[in-house]
Amino acid sequence: MERPRGRQTTVPAMRRRADGELAVQAPFNLEATVRVLQRRSTNRVDVWEDGSYVRVLSMVRGLVLVTVWNCGSIDAPDVRYSILTGPRSLGAHSAIKRTLTRVLGLDLDPAVLSRLPESDPILRGTVLSLRGMRPPRFVDLFESFASVIPFQQLSLDAGISILGKFVDRFGEHLTYRGRRYSAFPSAETISTAEVEELQSCGLSLKKSQTLIHIAREIHAGKLDERMLSRMQTSEAMEVLVKLPGIGPWTAGLVLLRGLGRIDVFPSGDAGAARGLRSLLKLSPQSNVDEVVQRFGEHRGCLYFCCLGASLLAKGSIRSANPSSL
């Protein structure tokens, strides 16, 4: 039997000791932010466990398993992190803080979400329930592409299943307190993978070819996030849709969930459109694209609001609105 590409490491049992603090402006809802980042609780990489966010990060000197929790409240957050295993140098701490700030949207203005009802008052109840949620981001550009491409023309649950197999096969892993935690596969790893290996995870031939091409472009430095970050959103969109296998929907989600462009609402997203129709109580005849434009440069927050509303309905997120408890 072929051995998986990912390495397996066993580490000691969990500690609950803060190694550092994360700067955050109130309000901040860690649970809602992580749940929207996960999309589904079966996410192999972004884990919500015992009121904490747990994630394996790939650092220069190896894997780091970190946990993040809020010692305070939504309105008075005291967000701390602990390095469960891995490098503890000042450089490692600095890199961990930068990554967690990005992933959890801690550098974004929390008022952005609260302003949505100004464009449509019907959102008030949902926004109150999600109070303090930040638009989260994927760790890097490759993770952004690889976390979106498997979902092309598939349901969210089907995409999550394929992504889980992809992570199991190509990611590195840590066994900690009897549980396996997974790092997201790197561009370098996928750049040398065979198409058939990706297909064995459930990816189609075209998606497998696209993902390998993207991995090679990123690993070679030909596709660079810093370059994209300097571009206007429209310009970055033009660059991305020229890539093989990347259309406006994929490019939009990469910009929104990867680069933090909250002025993007992914076009052609049937699931987001259904969620928006339900959330805003729109008629079947309503033009969703026209409705989205009313929210201007913050329209991308609608995507997270729709996803958050769905997770609230499933009970995956506890309401932050005291009147609904």
Protein backbone atom coordinates (compact mmCIF):
# COMPACT_ATOMS: atom_id res chain seq x y z
CA MET A 1 0.00 0.00 0.00
CA GLU A 2 1.28 3.48 -0.88
CA ARG A 3 2.25 5.57 2.12
CA PRO A 4 0.66 9.04 2.39
CA ARG A 5 2.90 11.98 1.61
CA GLY A 6 2.21 13.77 4.92
CA ARG A 7 4.52 13.19 7.88
CA GLN A 8 3.19 11.91 11.22
CA THR A 9 4.55 13.29 14.50
CA THR A 10 3.49 12.51 18.06
CA VAL A 11 3.65 15.27 20.69
CA PRO A 12 2.88 15.47 24.45
CA ALA A 13 -0.50 16.02 26.11
CA MET A 14 -2.19 19.44 25.98
CA ARG A 15 -1.35 22.33 28.26
CA ARG A 16 -3.58 25.34 28.90
CA ARG A 17 -1.03 28.11 29.40
CA ALA A 18 -0.98 31.38 27.51
CA ASP A 19 2.21 32.09 25.61
CA GLY A 20 1.02 35.40 24.23
CA GLU A 21 -1.85 37.79 23.60
CA LEU A 22 -3.45 38.94 20.36
CA ALA A 23 -4.40 42.58 19.90
CA VAL A 24 -8.10 42.83 19.11
CA GLN A 25 -10.66 45.60 19.05
CA ALA A 26 -14.04 44.94 20.68
CA PRO A 27 -16.43 43.41 19.94
CA PHE A 28 -14.90 40.09 18.92
CA ASN A 29 -16.73 36.78 18.57
CA LEU A 30 -14.12 34.03 18.30
CA GLU A 31 -16.64 31.20 17.92
CA ALA A 32 -18.56 32.82 15.07
CA THR A 33 -15.34 33.78 13.29
CA VAL A 34 -13.87 30.26 13.49
CA ARG A 35 -17.13 28.57 12.51
CA VAL A 36 -17.42 30.74 9.39
CA LEU A 37 -13.76 30.00 8.64
CA GLN A 38 -14.45 26.27 8.98
CA ARG A 39 -17.66 26.28 6.91
CA ARG A 40 -18.35 22.84 8.39
CA SER A 41 -17.29 21.32 11.74
CA THR A 42 -15.67 18.40 9.87
CA ASN A 43 -12.93 20.76 8.62
CA ARG A 44 -9.63 18.90 9.17
CA VAL A 45 -7.42 21.97 9.48
CA ASP A 46 -9.37 24.69 11.30
CA VAL A 47 -10.64 23.05 14.49
CA TRP A 48 -13.06 24.39 17.11
CA GLU A 49 -12.49 22.37 20.27
CA ASP A 50 -13.54 23.01 23.88
CA GLY A 51 -14.20 26.70 23.21
CA SER A 52 -10.85 27.20 21.49
CA TYR A 53 -9.50 27.48 17.97
CA VAL A 54 -6.81 24.88 17.28
CA ARG A 55 -4.62 24.97 14.17
CA VAL A 56 -1.39 23.47 12.87
CA LEU A 57 0.75 26.14 11.24
CA SER A 58 3.65 25.39 8.92
CA MET A 59 6.60 27.51 10.00
CA VAL A 60 10.14 27.82 8.62
CA ARG A 61 11.50 25.56 11.37
CA GLY A 62 8.67 23.04 11.33
CA LEU A 63 5.08 22.57 12.40
CA VAL A 64 3.53 24.51 15.26
CA LEU A 65 0.30 23.52 16.96
CA VAL A 66 -1.41 26.55 18.47
CA THR A 67 -4.64 27.10 20.35
CA VAL A 68 -6.49 30.42 20.71
CA TRP A 69 -9.17 31.31 23.23
CA ASN A 70 -10.93 34.35 24.62
CA CYS A 71 -10.46 34.81 28.36
CA GLY A 72 -12.83 37.78 28.28
CA SER A 73 -16.14 38.31 26.54
CA ILE A 74 -17.38 39.43 23.15
CA ASP A 75 -17.56 43.04 24.35
CA ALA A 76 -14.37 42.92 26.40
CA PRO A 77 -12.16 40.41 24.58
CA ASP A 78 -8.94 39.09 26.07
CA VAL A 79 -7.63 36.82 23.32
CA ARG A 80 -4.65 34.63 24.10
CA TYR A 81 -2.78 31.86 22.38
CA SER A 82 -0.66 28.94 23.47
CA ILE A 83 2.01 27.11 21.52
CA LEU A 84 1.24 23.48 22.26
CA THR A 85 4.29 22.25 20.41
CA GLY A 86 6.88 23.70 18.07
CA PRO A 87 9.41 26.56 17.91
CA ARG A 88 9.16 29.22 20.64
CA SER A 89 11.65 31.81 19.44
CA LEU A 90 10.77 35.49 19.18
CA GLY A 91 10.64 35.05 15.43
CA ALA A 92 8.19 32.18 15.77
CA HIS A 93 5.96 34.22 18.08
CA SER A 94 5.99 37.11 15.64
CA ALA A 95 5.05 34.85 12.71
CA ILE A 96 2.32 33.14 14.73
CA LYS A 97 0.79 36.46 15.73
CA ARG A 98 0.83 37.71 12.13
CA THR A 99 -0.81 34.54 10.87
CA LEU A 100 -3.50 34.40 13.56
CA THR A 101 -4.27 38.09 13.08
CA ARG A 102 -4.79 37.43 9.37
CA VAL A 103 -6.81 34.22 9.75
CA LEU A 104 -9.11 35.61 12.44
CA GLY A 105 -9.54 39.03 10.78
CA LEU A 106 -8.26 40.81 13.88
CA ASP A 107 -6.93 43.71 11.82
CA LEU A 108 -10.39 44.49 10.39
CA ASP A 109 -12.75 47.12 11.74
CA PRO A 110 -15.50 45.30 13.73
CA ALA A 111 -17.94 48.06 12.81
CA VAL A 112 -18.05 46.85 9.18
CA LEU A 113 -20.51 44.06 10.00
CA SER A 114 -22.64 46.26 12.26
CA ARG A 115 -23.10 48.75 9.43
CA LEU A 116 -24.84 46.26 7.12
CA PRO A 117 -28.34 47.03 8.46
CA GLU A 118 -27.86 50.63 7.29
CA SER A 119 -28.23 49.26 3.76
CA ASP A 120 -31.05 46.86 4.69
CA PRO A 121 -32.68 46.95 8.17
CA ILE A 122 -33.88 43.36 7.78
CA LEU A 123 -30.33 42.25 8.58
CA ARG A 124 -30.44 43.74 12.07
CA GLY A 125 -31.39 40.50 13.88
CA THR A 126 -28.76 38.40 12.12
CA VAL A 127 -26.05 41.01 12.62
CA LEU A 128 -26.85 41.20 16.34
CA SER A 129 -26.66 37.41 16.61
CA LEU A 130 -23.27 37.42 14.86
CA ARG A 131 -22.01 40.45 16.76
CA GLY A 132 -18.21 40.51 16.86
CA MET A 133 -17.72 38.11 13.97
CA ARG A 134 -14.81 39.00 11.69
CA PRO A 135 -14.45 38.05 8.02
CA PRO A 136 -11.77 35.33 8.32
CA ARG A 137 -9.02 34.62 5.79
CA PHE A 138 -7.11 31.56 4.63
CA VAL A 139 -3.46 31.38 5.71
CA ASP A 140 -1.87 32.00 2.31
CA LEU A 141 -2.52 32.20 -1.41
CA PHE A 142 -2.16 28.50 -2.14
CA GLU A 143 -4.48 27.52 0.69
CA SER A 144 -6.98 30.03 -0.72
CA PHE A 145 -7.00 28.40 -4.15
CA ALA A 146 -6.95 24.86 -2.77
CA SER A 147 -9.83 25.67 -0.40
CA VAL A 148 -12.01 26.95 -3.24
CA ILE A 149 -11.24 24.87 -6.35
CA PRO A 150 -12.64 21.58 -4.92
CA PHE A 151 -16.01 23.32 -4.42
CA GLN A 152 -16.46 24.34 -8.06
CA GLN A 153 -19.95 23.19 -9.13
CA LEU A 154 -20.34 21.08 -5.98
CA SER A 155 -22.28 21.39 -2.75
CA LEU A 156 -20.54 22.67 0.37
CA ASP A 157 -20.69 19.24 2.03
CA ALA A 158 -19.29 17.47 -1.04
CA GLY A 159 -16.47 19.99 -1.30
CA ILE A 160 -15.59 19.63 2.39
CA SER A 161 -15.42 15.84 1.99
CA ILE A 162 -13.00 16.10 -0.95
CA LEU A 163 -10.91 18.72 0.82
CA GLY A 164 -10.66 16.45 3.86
CA LYS A 165 -9.27 13.61 1.74
CA PHE A 166 -6.85 16.03 0.11
CA VAL A 167 -5.57 17.18 3.50
CA ASP A 168 -5.32 13.59 4.79
CA ARG A 169 -3.24 12.51 1.81
CA PHE A 170 -0.95 15.49 1.30
CA GLY A 171 -0.83 17.33 4.62
CA GLU A 172 1.56 16.84 7.51
CA HIS A 173 0.04 15.70 10.80
CA LEU A 174 0.55 15.88 14.55
CA THR A 175 -0.90 13.48 17.11
CA TYR A 176 -1.67 15.44 20.24
CA ARG A 177 -3.54 14.22 23.30
CA GLY A 178 -4.68 11.22 21.32
CA ARG A 179 -6.07 13.30 18.45
CA ARG A 180 -4.60 13.90 15.01
CA TYR A 181 -4.29 17.52 13.84
CA SER A 182 -3.56 18.34 10.22
CA ALA A 183 -1.56 21.05 8.50
CA PHE A 184 -2.80 22.28 5.14
CA PRO A 185 -0.75 20.89 2.22
CA SER A 186 1.87 23.26 0.84
CA ALA A 187 2.25 24.56 -2.70
CA GLU A 188 5.64 22.85 -2.83
CA THR A 189 4.11 19.45 -2.02
CA ILE A 190 1.33 19.74 -4.60
CA SER A 191 3.70 21.13 -7.25
CA THR A 192 5.35 17.69 -7.44
CA ALA A 193 2.16 15.63 -7.13
CA GLU A 194 0.75 13.52 -9.95
CA VAL A 195 -2.68 14.26 -11.36
CA GLU A 196 -3.81 10.73 -10.48
CA GLU A 197 -2.93 11.32 -6.82
CA LEU A 198 -5.23 14.33 -6.64
CA GLN A 199 -7.95 12.47 -8.50
CA SER A 200 -7.81 9.75 -5.83
CA CYS A 201 -9.04 12.41 -3.36
CA GLY A 202 -12.18 12.96 -5.45
CA LEU A 203 -10.98 15.89 -7.55
CA SER A 204 -11.87 15.84 -11.22
CA LEU A 205 -9.16 15.68 -13.89
CA LYS A 206 -9.57 19.39 -14.68
CA LYS A 207 -9.53 20.47 -11.02
CA SER A 208 -6.45 18.31 -10.37
CA GLN A 209 -4.62 19.85 -13.32
CA THR A 210 -5.64 23.36 -12.23
CA LEU A 211 -4.47 22.86 -8.65
CA ILE A 212 -1.10 21.46 -9.70
CA HIS A 213 -0.60 24.34 -12.14
CA ILE A 214 -1.48 26.90 -9.44
CA ALA A 215 0.87 25.19 -6.96
CA ARG A 216 3.74 25.31 -9.44
CA GLU A 217 3.11 28.97 -10.27
CA ILE A 218 3.06 29.93 -6.59
CA HIS A 219 6.06 27.78 -5.64
CA ALA A 220 8.06 29.27 -8.52
CA GLY A 221 7.13 32.80 -7.45
CA LYS A 222 5.28 33.55 -10.69
CA LEU A 223 1.98 34.00 -8.82
CA ASP A 224 2.60 36.10 -5.75
CA GLU A 225 0.20 37.39 -3.10
CA ARG A 226 2.24 40.54 -2.50
CA MET A 227 1.89 41.39 -6.17
CA LEU A 228 -1.87 40.84 -6.06
CA SER A 229 -2.22 42.83 -2.84
CA ARG A 230 -0.85 45.92 -4.56
CA MET A 231 -3.50 45.75 -7.27
CA GLN A 232 -6.99 47.19 -7.30
CA THR A 233 -9.63 44.50 -6.89
CA SER A 234 -10.72 44.72 -10.53
CA GLU A 235 -7.12 44.39 -11.72
CA ALA A 236 -6.45 41.41 -9.45
CA MET A 237 -9.64 39.78 -10.72
CA GLU A 238 -8.42 40.14 -14.31
CA VAL A 239 -5.13 38.46 -13.44
CA LEU A 240 -6.80 35.54 -11.66
CA VAL A 241 -9.41 34.72 -14.32
CA LYS A 242 -6.62 34.35 -16.88
CA LEU A 243 -5.31 31.34 -14.97
CA PRO A 244 -6.36 27.93 -16.37
CA GLY A 245 -9.48 26.61 -14.63
CA ILE A 246 -10.18 29.85 -12.74
CA GLY A 247 -13.42 31.67 -13.45
CA PRO A 248 -15.04 34.71 -11.81
CA TRP A 249 -16.58 32.66 -8.98
CA THR A 250 -13.28 31.06 -7.93
CA ALA A 251 -11.36 34.31 -8.38
CA GLY A 252 -13.94 36.18 -6.31
CA LEU A 253 -13.70 33.75 -3.41
CA VAL A 254 -9.89 33.76 -3.52
CA LEU A 255 -9.96 37.55 -3.30
CA LEU A 256 -12.59 37.58 -0.55
CA ARG A 257 -11.51 34.68 1.63
CA GLY A 258 -7.81 34.75 0.77
CA LEU A 259 -6.86 38.37 0.26
CA GLY A 260 -9.54 39.88 2.50
CA ARG A 261 -11.18 41.93 -0.28
CA ILE A 262 -14.54 42.55 1.39
CA ASP A 263 -15.64 44.58 -1.62
CA VAL A 264 -16.13 41.26 -3.48
CA PHE A 265 -19.30 39.17 -3.44
CA PRO A 266 -18.60 36.00 -5.49
CA SER A 267 -20.65 36.12 -8.67
CA GLY A 268 -22.48 33.00 -9.75
CA ASP A 269 -22.47 31.47 -6.26
CA ALA A 270 -25.80 29.62 -6.22
CA GLY A 271 -25.53 28.77 -2.53
CA ALA A 272 -24.73 32.35 -1.52
CA ALA A 273 -27.57 33.61 -3.72
CA ARG A 274 -30.04 31.23 -2.05
CA GLY A 275 -28.78 32.28 1.36
CA LEU A 276 -29.09 35.94 0.46
CA ARG A 277 -32.63 35.51 -0.87
CA SER A 278 -33.61 33.82 2.39
CA LEU A 279 -31.76 36.29 4.60
CA LEU A 280 -33.18 39.39 2.91
CA LYS A 281 -36.56 37.77 2.17
CA LEU A 282 -36.20 38.49 -1.53
CA SER A 283 -38.68 37.30 -4.13
CA PRO A 284 -37.53 34.63 -6.64
CA GLN A 285 -37.64 37.31 -9.33
CA SER A 286 -35.24 39.65 -7.53
CA ASN A 287 -31.90 40.35 -9.18
CA VAL A 288 -29.36 39.30 -6.54
CA ASP A 289 -26.49 41.14 -8.24
CA GLU A 290 -28.40 44.42 -8.08
CA VAL A 291 -29.25 43.85 -4.42
CA VAL A 292 -25.60 43.13 -3.57
CA GLN A 293 -24.48 46.41 -5.14
CA ARG A 294 -26.50 48.34 -2.53
CA PHE A 295 -23.93 47.32 0.07
CA GLY A 296 -21.07 49.03 -1.77
CA GLU A 297 -17.51 48.33 -0.71
CA HIS A 298 -18.65 46.08 2.16
CA ARG A 299 -20.74 43.71 0.01
CA GLY A 300 -18.35 40.85 0.69
CA CYS A 301 -19.53 40.87 4.31
CA LEU A 302 -22.89 39.69 3.00
CA TYR A 303 -21.27 36.40 2.04
CA PHE A 304 -20.06 35.83 5.60
CA CYS A 305 -23.36 37.04 6.99
CA CYS A 306 -25.24 34.48 4.86
CA LEU A 307 -22.90 31.69 5.92
CA GLY A 308 -23.11 32.79 9.55
CA ALA A 309 -26.92 32.85 9.41
CA SER A 310 -26.93 29.29 8.06
CA LEU A 311 -24.64 28.14 10.88
CA LEU A 312 -26.79 29.93 13.46
CA ALA A 313 -29.80 28.04 12.15
CA LYS A 314 -27.92 24.73 12.46
CA GLY A 315 -26.89 25.55 16.03
CA SER A 316 -23.19 25.63 15.09
CA ILE A 317 -22.90 29.22 16.34
CA ARG A 318 -24.43 30.46 19.57
CA SER A 319 -26.27 33.74 19.19
CA ALA A 320 -24.48 36.78 20.59
CA ASN A 321 -27.81 38.60 20.90
CA PRO A 322 -28.99 38.31 24.55
CA SER A 323 -32.63 38.76 23.53
CA SER A 324 -32.49 35.58 21.45
CA LEU A 325 -30.95 33.40 24.15
